[in-house]
Protein backbone atom coordinates (compact mmCIF):
# COMPACT_ATOMS: atom_id res chain seq x y z
CA MET A 1 28.13 8.02 -84.73
CA HIS A 2 31.86 8.02 -84.61
CA LEU A 3 33.30 9.22 -80.64
CA ARG A 4 33.26 12.60 -82.03
CA VAL A 5 29.58 12.88 -83.09
CA ALA A 6 28.40 11.00 -79.19
CA VAL A 7 30.64 13.76 -77.43
CA CYS A 8 29.04 16.60 -79.29
CA ALA A 9 25.85 14.83 -79.24
CA LEU A 10 26.35 15.11 -75.49
CA ALA A 11 27.23 18.41 -75.72
CA LEU A 12 24.15 19.56 -77.20
CA LEU A 13 22.06 17.48 -75.07
CA SER A 14 23.10 19.36 -71.88
CA VAL A 15 23.04 23.21 -73.71
CA THR A 16 19.22 22.54 -75.07
CA GLY A 17 17.99 21.21 -72.28
CA LEU A 18 19.05 19.78 -68.31
CA ALA A 19 19.93 15.72 -68.62
CA TRP A 20 18.84 14.00 -65.60
CA ALA A 21 20.25 10.91 -63.84
CA ALA A 22 19.65 8.90 -60.88
CA ALA A 23 21.02 10.75 -57.44
CA PRO A 24 23.40 8.97 -55.41
CA ALA A 25 23.15 8.84 -51.73
CA PRO A 26 24.25 11.84 -50.20
CA LEU A 27 27.62 10.62 -49.09
CA GLU A 28 28.44 9.25 -52.65
CA ALA A 29 27.11 12.46 -54.12
CA GLN A 30 29.29 14.18 -51.97
CA ASN A 31 32.47 11.96 -52.73
CA PRO A 32 32.21 10.70 -56.00
CA GLU A 33 35.60 9.45 -56.66
CA ILE A 34 35.00 6.79 -53.53
CA ARG A 35 34.08 3.70 -55.47
CA ARG A 36 31.29 1.41 -54.36
CA GLU A 37 30.65 -2.28 -54.73
CA GLY A 38 27.39 -3.42 -55.65
CA GLN A 39 23.99 -2.08 -56.80
CA GLY A 40 20.32 -2.15 -56.48
CA GLY A 41 18.69 -3.40 -53.03
CA ARG A 42 21.97 -4.62 -51.75
CA ARG A 43 24.12 -1.28 -52.38
CA ALA A 44 21.35 0.90 -51.03
CA ALA A 45 21.00 -1.00 -47.72
CA VAL A 46 24.94 -1.27 -47.65
CA THR A 47 25.03 2.81 -48.29
CA ALA A 48 22.44 3.11 -45.05
CA MET A 49 24.82 1.87 -42.64
CA GLU A 50 27.62 4.88 -43.69
CA LEU A 51 27.22 7.69 -41.33
CA LYS A 52 26.43 5.37 -38.53
CA PRO A 53 28.27 4.15 -35.34
CA PHE A 54 29.81 1.45 -35.96
CA ASP A 55 29.15 -1.39 -33.49
CA ALA A 56 33.12 -2.25 -31.82
CA SER A 57 31.72 -5.19 -29.94
CA LEU A 58 31.41 -7.36 -32.95
CA LEU A 59 35.25 -7.18 -33.11
CA GLY A 60 35.36 -9.15 -30.04
CA GLY A 61 33.44 -12.01 -31.84
CA LEU A 62 36.12 -12.69 -33.68
CA LYS A 63 38.42 -15.35 -33.24
CA ASP A 64 42.42 -16.31 -33.50
CA TRP A 65 43.83 -12.82 -33.57
CA THR A 66 47.11 -12.26 -34.92
CA ASN A 67 49.85 -9.59 -33.99
CA GLY A 68 47.58 -8.76 -31.74
CA THR A 69 44.46 -8.60 -29.16
CA ALA A 70 40.67 -7.49 -30.06
CA PRO A 71 40.35 -4.03 -29.94
CA THR A 72 37.69 -2.28 -27.82
CA ALA A 73 35.71 0.94 -28.72
CA GLU A 74 38.05 2.45 -26.04
CA SER A 75 41.05 1.31 -27.92
CA LEU A 76 39.72 2.32 -31.30
CA LYS A 77 38.56 6.08 -29.96
CA GLY A 78 39.76 8.88 -32.18
CA LYS A 79 41.65 6.64 -34.78
CA PRO A 80 40.47 5.41 -38.39
CA VAL A 81 40.06 2.23 -38.96
CA VAL A 82 40.35 -0.18 -41.87
CA LEU A 83 38.37 -3.23 -42.23
CA VAL A 84 39.43 -5.80 -44.93
CA PHE A 85 37.66 -9.00 -45.67
CA PHE A 86 39.49 -11.58 -47.79
CA SER A 87 39.93 -14.93 -48.28
CA SER A 88 42.94 -17.04 -49.49
CA TRP A 89 41.40 -18.63 -52.63
CA VAL A 90 40.77 -15.11 -54.10
CA PRO A 91 43.61 -14.13 -56.15
CA ALA A 92 42.58 -10.56 -55.48
CA SER A 93 42.81 -10.73 -52.10
CA ARG A 94 46.30 -10.57 -52.04
CA THR A 95 46.57 -7.25 -54.06
CA ALA A 96 43.50 -5.96 -51.41
CA LEU A 97 46.61 -7.21 -48.46
CA GLY A 98 49.27 -5.65 -50.24
CA GLN A 99 47.20 -2.13 -50.06
CA ALA A 100 46.05 -3.16 -46.50
CA ALA A 101 49.93 -3.05 -45.46
CA GLN A 102 50.23 0.43 -46.95
CA LEU A 103 47.50 1.84 -45.26
CA ALA A 104 48.43 0.50 -41.96
CA LYS A 105 51.77 2.61 -42.39
CA THR A 106 49.41 5.84 -42.15
CA PRO A 107 49.82 6.84 -38.01
CA GLU A 108 47.53 6.23 -35.48
CA THR A 109 45.22 3.67 -38.23
CA VAL A 110 44.20 0.78 -36.70
CA VAL A 111 43.65 -2.12 -39.91
CA ILE A 112 41.83 -5.63 -39.44
CA GLY A 113 42.14 -8.12 -41.62
CA ILE A 114 38.96 -10.28 -41.42
CA ALA A 115 39.18 -13.94 -42.72
CA ALA A 116 37.02 -16.43 -43.60
CA ALA A 117 36.48 -19.18 -41.19
CA ASP A 118 36.94 -21.86 -43.81
CA ARG A 119 40.19 -22.14 -44.72
CA PHE A 120 41.23 -19.69 -41.68
CA GLU A 121 44.75 -21.96 -41.72
CA ASP A 122 45.30 -20.80 -45.56
CA ALA A 123 44.21 -17.66 -45.21
CA LYS A 124 46.49 -16.99 -42.09
CA LYS A 125 49.35 -18.59 -44.01
CA LEU A 126 49.18 -15.90 -47.22
CA PHE A 127 48.71 -13.28 -44.18
CA THR A 128 52.31 -14.26 -42.33
CA ASP A 129 54.35 -15.52 -45.15
CA SER A 130 53.65 -11.98 -47.17
CA GLY A 131 54.86 -10.33 -43.99
CA HIS A 132 52.21 -8.24 -43.14
CA SER A 133 52.34 -7.09 -39.07
CA PHE A 134 48.76 -5.49 -39.12
CA LEU A 135 45.90 -7.35 -37.21
CA LEU A 136 44.15 -10.71 -38.54
CA ALA A 137 41.33 -11.69 -37.36
CA ARG A 138 38.56 -15.33 -38.30
CA ASP A 139 35.26 -14.64 -38.66
CA GLU A 140 33.69 -17.15 -36.45
CA GLY A 141 30.21 -18.27 -37.99
CA GLY A 142 30.35 -15.14 -40.66
CA ALA A 143 29.06 -13.07 -37.90
CA MET A 144 31.06 -9.96 -38.88
CA ARG A 145 30.44 -10.71 -42.52
CA LYS A 146 26.55 -10.77 -41.94
CA ALA A 147 26.36 -7.68 -39.65
CA LEU A 148 28.46 -5.54 -42.42
CA GLN A 149 26.79 -7.65 -45.27
CA SER A 150 30.05 -8.49 -47.31
CA ASP A 151 29.28 -9.83 -50.14
CA GLY A 152 32.55 -10.96 -51.72
CA ASP A 153 36.03 -10.35 -51.33
CA PRO A 154 37.96 -8.73 -50.77
CA ASP A 155 35.69 -6.07 -49.49
CA PHE A 156 37.47 -2.71 -47.97
CA TYR A 157 35.44 -0.85 -44.83
CA VAL A 158 36.72 2.57 -43.53
CA ILE A 159 35.78 4.06 -39.67
CA ASP A 160 36.63 7.44 -39.20
CA ARG A 161 37.61 9.07 -35.96
CA ALA A 162 33.94 9.61 -34.51
CA GLY A 163 33.64 5.54 -34.88
CA ASN A 164 30.93 6.12 -37.47
CA LEU A 165 31.04 3.92 -40.83
CA ARG A 166 32.41 5.89 -43.01
CA PHE A 167 32.12 3.89 -46.49
CA ALA A 168 31.20 0.86 -46.77
CA ASP A 169 32.32 -1.67 -49.29
CA ILE A 170 34.31 0.24 -51.65
CA GLU A 171 36.69 -0.74 -54.10
CA THR A 172 40.31 -1.76 -53.58
CA VAL A 173 41.26 1.16 -55.85
CA SER A 174 39.68 3.76 -53.59
CA ALA A 175 40.37 2.15 -50.08
CA GLY A 176 43.73 4.87 -49.79
CA ARG A 177 41.91 8.35 -50.77
CA ALA A 178 38.76 7.19 -48.52
CA LEU A 179 41.29 6.53 -45.34
CA GLU A 180 43.22 9.82 -46.40
CA MET A 181 39.72 12.11 -46.35
CA VAL A 182 39.15 10.07 -42.79
CA ALA A 183 42.28 10.34 -41.24
CA ALA A 184 43.05 14.11 -42.50
CA GLU A 185 39.70 14.99 -40.23
CA THR A 186 39.87 15.55 -36.15
CA GLU A 187 37.17 13.52 -33.92
CA GLN A 188 35.28 16.44 -33.72
CA SER A 189 34.96 17.39 -37.56
CA ALA A 190 34.25 13.60 -38.14
CA ALA A 191 31.19 13.78 -35.58
CA ALA A 192 29.59 16.62 -37.54
CA LYS A 193 30.11 15.32 -40.81
CA PRO A 194 26.63 13.34 -40.54
CA GLY A 195 24.60 16.58 -39.71
CA GLU A 196 26.88 18.02 -42.68
CA VAL A 197 25.85 16.02 -45.44
CA ALA A 198 22.52 15.48 -44.43
CA ALA A 199 22.43 19.87 -44.50
CA ALA A 200 24.08 19.50 -48.08
CA ALA A 201 21.66 16.86 -49.36
CA LYS A 202 18.69 18.77 -48.31
CA ALA A 203 20.25 21.89 -50.15
CA ALA A 204 21.03 19.74 -53.09
CA ALA A 205 17.09 18.45 -53.03
CA GLU A 206 15.73 21.86 -52.64
CA ALA A 207 17.80 23.16 -55.42
CA ALA A 208 16.76 20.37 -57.63
CA GLY A 209 13.27 20.90 -56.81
CA ARG A 210 13.49 24.62 -58.42
CA THR A 211 15.26 23.81 -61.41
CA ARG A 212 13.15 23.14 -64.02
CA ASP A 213 14.39 24.39 -67.63
CA THR A 214 13.11 21.92 -69.31
CA GLY A 215 9.57 21.98 -68.30
CA ARG A 216 10.10 18.29 -67.42
CA VAL A 217 9.37 17.66 -63.51
CA PRO A 218 12.38 15.58 -62.02
CA ALA A 219 11.09 12.16 -60.78
CA PRO A 220 11.97 11.15 -56.98
CA GLY A 221 15.53 11.08 -56.09
CA GLU A 222 16.59 11.93 -59.48
CA ARG A 223 19.29 15.39 -60.19
CA VAL A 224 20.44 17.96 -62.59
CA ARG A 225 23.48 17.24 -64.65
CA PRO A 226 25.56 20.52 -65.08
CA VAL A 227 24.80 22.47 -68.46
CA VAL A 228 28.21 22.58 -70.57
CA LYS A 229 28.21 24.39 -73.44
CA LEU A 230 31.70 23.65 -75.56
CA PRO A 231 33.10 26.46 -76.90
CA ASP A 232 33.62 26.57 -81.18
CA SER A 233 36.49 25.17 -82.84
CA SER A 234 38.72 28.01 -82.77
CA ALA A 235 39.12 28.14 -79.20
CA TYR A 236 40.73 24.20 -79.79
CA GLU A 237 42.49 25.51 -83.02
CA SER A 238 44.12 28.28 -80.46
CA VAL A 239 45.64 25.76 -78.22
CA LEU A 240 49.30 25.01 -78.14
CA TRP A 241 48.61 20.83 -77.77
CA PRO A 242 51.32 18.65 -76.31
CA ARG A 243 53.41 17.21 -79.17
CA LYS A 244 51.85 14.28 -81.21
CA ASN A 245 54.14 11.06 -80.52
CA ILE A 246 56.77 10.13 -83.02
CA GLN A 247 55.90 8.30 -85.99
CA GLU A 248 58.94 5.52 -84.77
CA LEU A 249 56.68 4.85 -81.38
CA VAL A 250 53.21 4.76 -83.42
CA GLN A 251 54.35 2.39 -86.34
CA GLY A 252 53.50 -1.25 -85.11
CA HIS A 253 50.77 -0.47 -82.71
CA ALA A 254 47.87 1.44 -84.99
CA THR A 255 46.91 3.50 -87.93
CA ASP A 256 48.49 6.99 -86.84
CA ILE A 257 45.76 9.14 -86.63
CA GLN A 258 46.84 12.09 -84.54
CA GLY A 259 45.34 15.19 -85.38
CA LYS A 260 42.30 13.39 -86.68
CA THR A 261 38.87 12.13 -85.44
CA MET A 262 38.16 8.66 -84.71
CA PRO A 263 36.70 6.64 -88.13
CA ALA A 264 33.17 6.00 -88.59
CA GLU A 265 33.87 2.74 -87.32
CA VAL A 266 34.29 3.57 -83.62
CA ASP A 267 30.60 3.88 -82.72
CA PRO A 268 30.27 4.21 -78.97
CA ALA A 269 26.53 3.37 -79.45
CA ALA A 270 26.92 -0.08 -80.98
CA MET A 271 29.33 -1.15 -78.77
CA GLU A 272 28.84 -3.67 -76.23
CA TRP A 273 29.66 -2.66 -72.75
CA LEU A 274 30.20 -4.88 -69.93
CA GLN A 275 29.68 -2.18 -66.91
CA GLU A 276 28.71 0.99 -66.20
CA LYS A 277 28.25 2.65 -69.75
CA PRO A 278 29.76 6.45 -70.30
CA GLU A 279 27.01 8.68 -70.75
CA ASP A 280 28.42 12.02 -69.46
CA LEU A 281 31.43 12.79 -72.25
CA ALA A 282 30.29 16.70 -72.42
CA GLY A 283 33.31 18.64 -71.81
CA LYS A 284 35.35 15.66 -70.65
CA VAL A 285 39.53 14.46 -72.36
CA VAL A 286 38.78 10.51 -73.70
CA VAL A 287 40.90 8.05 -73.73
CA VAL A 288 40.51 4.74 -75.69
CA ASN A 289 42.83 1.71 -74.21
CA PHE A 290 43.20 -1.37 -76.21
CA TRP A 291 43.86 -4.36 -73.85
CA ALA A 292 43.88 -8.19 -73.49
CA THR A 293 43.43 -10.14 -69.73
CA TRP A 294 46.92 -12.34 -72.13
CA CYS A 295 48.82 -8.97 -72.10
CA GLY A 296 51.45 -8.61 -69.63
CA PRO A 297 52.27 -4.99 -70.42
CA CYS A 298 48.37 -4.26 -69.87
CA LYS A 299 48.51 -5.49 -66.82
CA ARG A 300 51.36 -3.37 -65.76
CA SER A 301 49.69 -0.10 -67.08
CA LYS A 302 46.18 -0.75 -65.31
CA PRO A 303 46.99 0.28 -61.61
CA MET A 304 48.50 3.66 -63.63
CA LEU A 305 45.17 3.90 -65.55
CA ASP A 306 42.93 3.04 -62.92
CA ASP A 307 44.45 5.98 -60.55
CA LEU A 308 44.65 8.47 -63.53
CA ALA A 309 40.73 8.00 -64.29
CA GLU A 310 39.81 7.99 -60.47
CA LYS A 311 42.29 11.26 -60.00
CA ASN A 312 40.61 12.73 -62.73
CA ARG A 313 36.93 11.32 -62.66
CA ASP A 314 34.91 14.74 -63.70
CA VAL A 315 36.75 15.53 -66.59
CA LEU A 316 38.07 12.17 -67.71
CA ALA A 317 36.83 9.29 -69.73
CA VAL A 318 39.11 6.28 -69.85
CA ILE A 319 37.11 3.42 -71.95
CA ALA A 320 39.02 -0.36 -72.03
CA MET A 321 38.36 -1.90 -75.20
CA SER A 322 38.81 -6.17 -75.34
CA GLY A 323 37.74 -8.64 -77.34
CA TYR A 324 40.69 -9.45 -79.20
CA ASN A 325 41.53 -13.16 -79.10
CA ASP A 326 39.84 -12.58 -75.49
CA PRO A 327 36.36 -14.97 -74.80
CA LYS A 328 34.04 -12.55 -73.36
CA PRO A 329 33.57 -14.90 -70.35
CA ASP A 330 37.48 -14.44 -69.82
CA VAL A 331 37.10 -11.01 -69.45
CA LEU A 332 34.01 -10.85 -67.14
CA ARG A 333 36.02 -13.23 -65.09
CA HIS A 334 39.27 -11.16 -64.82
CA LEU A 335 37.15 -8.23 -64.13
CA ARG A 336 35.74 -9.83 -61.45
CA THR A 337 39.02 -10.80 -59.91
CA PHE A 338 40.85 -7.26 -61.01
CA PRO A 339 37.81 -4.47 -60.60
CA SER A 340 38.76 -1.62 -62.32
CA ASN A 341 37.40 1.91 -62.20
CA LEU A 342 37.47 2.18 -66.28
CA PHE A 343 34.48 2.05 -68.65
CA HIS A 344 34.67 -1.51 -70.06
CA ALA A 345 33.40 -2.47 -73.83
CA TYR A 346 33.63 -5.47 -75.36
CA ASP A 347 34.68 -5.73 -79.29
CA ASN A 348 32.68 -9.01 -80.07
CA GLU A 349 33.74 -8.58 -83.80
CA GLN A 350 37.15 -6.78 -83.96
CA LYS A 351 35.08 -4.14 -85.67
CA VAL A 352 36.88 -1.17 -83.60
CA GLY A 353 40.18 -2.75 -83.31
CA LYS A 354 40.34 -3.52 -87.25
CA ALA A 355 39.22 -0.22 -88.05
CA LEU A 356 42.51 1.30 -86.57
CA SER A 357 44.73 -1.62 -87.85
CA VAL A 358 45.52 -2.20 -83.95
CA GLN A 359 47.99 -4.68 -83.68
CA ALA A 360 49.89 -4.41 -80.30
CA TYR A 361 48.69 -4.30 -76.88
CA PRO A 362 47.94 -2.26 -74.93
CA THR A 363 47.88 1.02 -77.14
CA VAL A 364 45.85 4.12 -76.27
CA PHE A 365 43.80 6.70 -78.64
CA VAL A 366 43.80 10.33 -76.29
CA MET A 367 41.05 12.42 -77.59
CA SER A 368 40.40 16.40 -76.24
CA SER A 369 36.61 17.33 -75.80
CA ASP A 370 36.05 18.08 -79.47
CA GLY A 371 36.93 14.65 -80.26
CA ILE A 372 40.18 15.35 -81.79
CA VAL A 373 43.16 12.70 -81.47
CA ARG A 374 46.10 14.35 -80.00
CA TRP A 375 47.98 11.54 -79.00
CA MET A 376 48.38 7.29 -79.55
CA GLY A 377 51.01 4.93 -78.26
CA ASN A 378 51.71 2.86 -75.59
CA PRO A 379 50.14 3.86 -72.24
CA LEU A 380 53.49 2.82 -70.79
CA ASP A 381 55.04 5.54 -72.43
CA PRO A 382 56.84 7.84 -69.77
CA ASN A 383 55.23 10.36 -71.93
CA PHE A 384 51.81 9.33 -71.62
CA ARG A 385 50.26 10.19 -68.18
CA GLN A 386 51.86 13.67 -68.47
CA THR A 387 50.79 14.62 -71.91
CA VAL A 388 46.82 13.42 -70.88
CA GLU A 389 47.04 15.68 -67.96
CA GLN A 390 48.35 18.51 -69.77
CA ILE A 391 45.53 18.10 -72.57
CA ILE A 392 42.99 18.18 -69.31
CA LYS A 393 44.61 21.27 -68.52
CA LEU A 394 44.73 22.73 -71.81
CA ASP A 395 41.13 21.71 -73.04
CA PRO A 396 39.30 24.99 -73.70
CA GLY A 397 35.88 21.96 -72.94
CA VAL A 398 37.08 21.14 -69.67
CA ALA A 399 37.26 24.38 -68.81
CA ALA A 400 33.56 24.84 -69.40
CA ARG A 401 32.87 21.90 -68.15
CA ARG A 402 34.57 22.77 -64.51
CA ALA A 403 32.81 26.05 -64.62
CA ALA A 404 29.48 23.95 -65.27
CA LEU A 405 30.45 21.95 -62.52
CA ALA A 406 31.07 24.99 -60.13
CA ARG A 407 27.76 26.44 -60.65
CA ALA A 408 26.21 23.38 -59.85
CA GLY A 409 27.99 23.35 -56.36
CA ARG A 410 30.24 20.38 -57.88
């Protein structure tokens, strides 16, 4: 089964019966674009802290303040607060501190860098050498980490204007969006948020309890996926799709299959998934990106791909294919150091890459929701992002998916 068949199979599942998936916590359900870190019981415990008052007295236990003194509950009243845990020896901390510095430019926002007591002087040097002007403190004895269950650096926590811990242990790529949401609120609307989320969760649970289209009784904590009925082929044929990439820019990257389906060797069912596996592709545009840890242009394209995937999460799936002169331990280490919100697959025997004659990295294939490759080339091409966004806008299957999401109240 190649990618087109996989998409159609998922569409058929949603048409013939409702598909079920484990339900996220209420706040996660309302803000799926905010990527949480961790899983299992530990993640559940961290999520349970969200929408609860943040204990500002914990800040008093931090030592060696730089760029100011310890804030108090009174000084933070009505302000958004961002906490970023970091360590000097973790490469991803540099990126996180850079992100935190951008967040600190948001009016009224207080950003606090919290470094481990071990090698604090190295952390302080990293901080000051980078010219960061937001607050920095040392977590003596790790008390703050223990209280907030921070398990690895870097970790971001966002507190809203009402003093509630709104987002706990989220990915660096989501910190900006999380702050944007809480900064846009008033203190009063932030205070009302816990009640609103609880009411929405209750209503969703009641609605799910009334849904029995398949005759299957959902297990506790499960929710219904939207039913997406894709239009027939004539709807896709009538679309004026974006222009294909020119032959000169495709040659040297891979076999030109624009306007065609993926070869049968490209089988998602046989892929080795390194992180989350995409299971709900019906009505989504799919981008397959071939990359490697040793590839400089791949690294440069990563922030854009992450941003593109995050901003179009409901209607776009970006699959990152690795395994090309790249041992799996190296890829896994890279993903731990540089977290990504893409779907990551490992081409252990390079069957996928060879089937497409991929010769250069990065190379992307962009498919509409009917599985046809509409564009391919380099993701750093100035036309790439605009083309993907245009395909999303024109795709009949995407329109059907959005209608289904609206019916489901999402």
